[in-house]
Amino acid sequence: MQEKIESNGPVIPSFEELRPEDFDGHTDFAAMSPEQRLNWLSAAARFVHFARENRSAATNNEEAGIIE
């Protein structure tokens, strides 16, 4: 049985909310609150789940000869 994951909101923040330091290549976990850490890990887990799900669907489509 596969559980459906519901999004609690947008996974990707709006561009207006992004800052240059959001793209410096690291996440400063030491400066994050416990809630921020959980939110970050939750978003990362959702990303991995959806990436794997989409990769699996794409592989199945290729094997079936379906081109999207």
C-alpha atoms as a PDB file:
ATOM      1  CA  MET A   1       0.000   0.000   0.000  1.00  0.00           C
ATOM      2  CA  GLN A   2       1.408   3.350  -0.994  1.00  0.00           C
ATOM      3  CA  GLU A   3       0.506   6.372   1.096  1.00  0.00           C
ATOM      4  CA  LYS A   4      -0.354   9.572  -0.752  1.00  0.00           C
ATOM      5  CA  ILE A   5       1.621  12.560   0.485  1.00  0.00           C
ATOM      6  CA  GLU A   6      -0.295  15.802   0.729  1.00  0.00           C
ATOM      7  CA  SER A   7       1.557  19.081   0.424  1.00  0.00           C
ATOM      8  CA  ASN A   8       1.124  21.511   3.292  1.00  0.00           C
ATOM      9  CA  GLY A   9       1.782  24.421   1.003  1.00  0.00           C
ATOM     10  CA  PRO A  10       4.131  25.415  -1.743  1.00  0.00           C
ATOM     11  CA  VAL A  11       7.344  23.418  -1.750  1.00  0.00           C
ATOM     12  CA  ILE A  12       9.142  26.122  -3.676  1.00  0.00           C
ATOM     13  CA  PRO A  13       9.120  29.637  -2.197  1.00  0.00           C
ATOM     14  CA  SER A  14       8.152  32.530  -4.416  1.00  0.00           C
ATOM     15  CA  PHE A  15      10.993  34.306  -6.170  1.00  0.00           C
ATOM     16  CA  GLU A  16      10.329  37.480  -4.206  1.00  0.00           C
ATOM     17  CA  GLU A  17      11.243  35.651  -0.985  1.00  0.00           C
ATOM     18  CA  LEU A  18      14.606  34.357  -2.248  1.00  0.00           C
ATOM     19  CA  ARG A  19      17.883  36.001  -1.273  1.00  0.00           C
ATOM     20  CA  PRO A  20      21.387  35.610  -2.781  1.00  0.00           C
ATOM     21  CA  GLU A  21      22.515  33.615   0.252  1.00  0.00           C
ATOM     22  CA  ASP A  22      19.823  31.035  -0.564  1.00  0.00           C
ATOM     23  CA  PHE A  23      22.064  30.006  -3.459  1.00  0.00           C
ATOM     24  CA  ASP A  24      25.465  29.874  -1.751  1.00  0.00           C
ATOM     25  CA  GLY A  25      25.557  26.076  -1.751  1.00  0.00           C
ATOM     26  CA  HIS A  26      24.981  25.167   1.870  1.00  0.00           C
ATOM     27  CA  THR A  27      22.381  25.129   4.605  1.00  0.00           C
ATOM     28  CA  ASP A  28      23.410  26.428   8.024  1.00  0.00           C
ATOM     29  CA  PHE A  29      21.593  23.930  10.242  1.00  0.00           C
ATOM     30  CA  ALA A  30      23.297  25.287  13.366  1.00  0.00           C
ATOM     31  CA  ALA A  31      21.513  28.613  12.900  1.00  0.00           C
ATOM     32  CA  MET A  32      18.102  27.012  12.292  1.00  0.00           C
ATOM     33  CA  SER A  33      15.450  26.533  14.929  1.00  0.00           C
ATOM     34  CA  PRO A  34      14.176  22.968  15.462  1.00  0.00           C
ATOM     35  CA  GLU A  35      11.001  23.868  13.556  1.00  0.00           C
ATOM     36  CA  GLN A  36      13.017  25.221  10.613  1.00  0.00           C
ATOM     37  CA  ARG A  37      15.128  22.055  10.565  1.00  0.00           C
ATOM     38  CA  LEU A  38      12.022  19.874  10.449  1.00  0.00           C
ATOM     39  CA  ASN A  39      10.502  21.996   7.683  1.00  0.00           C
ATOM     40  CA  TRP A  40      13.729  21.787   5.651  1.00  0.00           C
ATOM     41  CA  LEU A  41      13.987  18.024   6.111  1.00  0.00           C
ATOM     42  CA  SER A  42      10.310  17.596   5.256  1.00  0.00           C
ATOM     43  CA  ALA A  43      10.717  19.570   2.026  1.00  0.00           C
ATOM     44  CA  ALA A  44      13.835  17.574   1.127  1.00  0.00           C
ATOM     45  CA  ALA A  45      12.023  14.286   1.770  1.00  0.00           C
ATOM     46  CA  ARG A  46       9.060  15.389  -0.395  1.00  0.00           C
ATOM     47  CA  PHE A  47      11.469  16.369  -3.173  1.00  0.00           C
ATOM     48  CA  VAL A  48      13.186  12.970  -3.077  1.00  0.00           C
ATOM     49  CA  HIS A  49       9.838  11.153  -2.995  1.00  0.00           C
ATOM     50  CA  PHE A  50       8.416  13.038  -5.976  1.00  0.00           C
ATOM     51  CA  ALA A  51      11.694  12.817  -7.930  1.00  0.00           C
ATOM     52  CA  ARG A  52      11.782   9.039  -7.488  1.00  0.00           C
ATOM     53  CA  GLU A  53       8.095   8.748  -8.333  1.00  0.00           C
ATOM     54  CA  ASN A  54       8.533  10.791 -11.522  1.00  0.00           C
ATOM     55  CA  ARG A  55      11.695   8.903 -12.504  1.00  0.00           C
ATOM     56  CA  SER A  56       9.831   5.615 -12.066  1.00  0.00           C
ATOM     57  CA  ALA A  57       6.891   6.873 -14.149  1.00  0.00           C
ATOM     58  CA  ALA A  58       9.258   8.116 -16.870  1.00  0.00           C
ATOM     59  CA  THR A  59      11.037   4.747 -16.971  1.00  0.00           C
ATOM     60  CA  ASN A  60       7.704   2.932 -17.220  1.00  0.00           C
ATOM     61  CA  ASN A  61       6.605   5.241 -20.058  1.00  0.00           C
ATOM     62  CA  GLU A  62       9.861   4.647 -21.957  1.00  0.00           C
ATOM     63  CA  GLU A  63       9.490   0.885 -21.604  1.00  0.00           C
ATOM     64  CA  ALA A  64       5.896   1.115 -22.847  1.00  0.00           C
ATOM     65  CA  GLY A  65       6.934   3.272 -25.809  1.00  0.00           C
ATOM     66  CA  ILE A  66       5.052   6.315 -24.551  1.00  0.00           C
ATOM     67  CA  ILE A  67       6.764   9.611 -25.314  1.00  0.00           C
ATOM     68  CA  GLU A  68       5.601  12.696 -23.459  1.00  0.00           C
END
